[in-house]
């Protein structure tokens, strides 16, 4: 009996291994469609010349796998663009409609840990085996028609967009919730010509090298998803952004409506995603879902869509304002709160959206993860982090040790983004590329769109910027303008660069500052280890890097031997610091990981791996 059980276990493991291999092979082939860094830079420089060709190309790719516009209409799409909160709003829509009993499809980007997260059916990423099967079906259809078509294959995001439609049609979902990638007007998802309802979340400055450097230019792109006769909703926006959204709504032949936040419902509603900004995202999701359900039920009754030229605006919830003829003088109608059902409430409460205002406890360390990467979202992240940690403060009588793990990429301004973060009073700030491990352990984590060299250079810039911000605060009065670190002395804040996320987390979980205190005290007392020599092995140091070069163990050993302790060393590594109090070894550790969704995704991968160990 034991041997039979063992055989079954081996067979099961082999099957799982084969399934894993099929998935890994599919993702590796998908990665060959990634656009390299040089090509992306060229696209940015020529963004206005060829952008208009993207939608015709996408329709061609869809046609080559057998998907026509009429098929897309059968998916009953909710289409959502925006700068901040579009993923969260999509997640709320998915959860609400699933709790109402509908079979949901949800296409999102980027993924955090595995590519299959982008294709969600019924509230779960599609299984690895299904992903591989659908991938090869779509890939072979496109590859075999390449010569007869325009001779090209879609890029990474374009392929996944076509694949999402293919999967949702095969899975026969009732609704497809589609999150825009970048912009809207020329985004791959905008090949959907007849959605049921559209939404635009909060707008801000992001992807400026592609969309433009002003809020009105960005609003123009985001409103590109509006369609004739299709209801459109948004949240309160900066005046110049709202003006452009209203003008685009008129141009596209629709009416734009503004949602009130959850405060208008005059009741306490628990949300599954934390953070004050979620009251707007949830309110927008409620209006989108309510409108979608009304239109979907009518489609089911008539068994056909309304003619495009016939307005569906009668299905939009009652508004508290009317609309004028001129977009420049337009008062955007504000819709009244909907009547909530128990399914709506449960959908909001049980919504899960990883990597956004998420808290994980691993190895006795509390990790706070939020993929904020715009000024507004970073400010919201800081507010959330302070609120959460303050609420927990009374539970830790020995105090806390607070760490920042940060990275930002692309054309984002490090100084502007990190400025709100220095108010959190960090004892240490760690910087690294968006690499879960220095050598990728899975194809899911492969990113060919940036080079390792450019990522290392950006880490140096981020570290130097953070150090400059701390110095500025000290120069203008420190305690009057900046919260002190938990050590009580902001000058004691360490800043280090590592070559991967796993090295950062190893450093954190091993509580280096406690071990450093012991070594520093022994050095100060003249009680040197190993006959007046302290040897530190590679596993212990985790090799912080500066200017893309690992600091060797020899340098660390030499510094310790000479009693210098490597504090503020010429290599740029702040390795030892004698700031710890006698109770340091009992302090609770809080880590904020933010600045990039890719960073947060890599951190989740490493943390989950540690939990499995």
Foldseek 3Di string as FASTA:
>chain_A
DVVVVVVVVVVVVVVVVVLVVLLQVLLVVLVVLADFQVVVVVCLVCVVPCLVVQLVVLQLLLVLLPDHLVLLVQQQEEEEEEDPLRVVLLLLLLLLVVLVPFWEWEADDDDQAFRQQRTDTSRHRDDSNVVSVLSVSSVCSCVVCLVVGVNDDHGSVSSVLSSNSVVCSVVVGNHYYYYFDAFALRTSNLNNADHQAYEYEEHDDDPCSNQNGDRLSSLLRRLNSAAAQHEYEYEDYPPSSQLSNLVSCVVRHHAYEYEDFPVLVVDDAAAQFDFPSVSRSLRRSQQSNQLSVQQSVVCVVVVHHDPRNDHPCVSHADWPDDFDPDSNPTDRTYHHRDDDDPSSRVSRNPRDDPQQQDWDAFLLAIEGGHADAGLVSLLRSLVSVVVVCVVCQVVAPLAAAEEEEEAADDPGDLLSSCLNVQQNAHQEYEYEFLALDLDDPGSRLDHSNDDLLVRQVRRQVNQVSNVVSLVVCVVVPNVVVHPHHRLRHNVNYFYFYAHHLLLVVLCVSVVQQVVLLVLLVCLVVVNAPPVLWDQDDCSNQSFTAHSPHTDDSVVVRVCSSVSVSCDCDPRRGRRHDNSDDPSNVRHHYYYYYYNHSSNSSSNVVSRVVSVVD
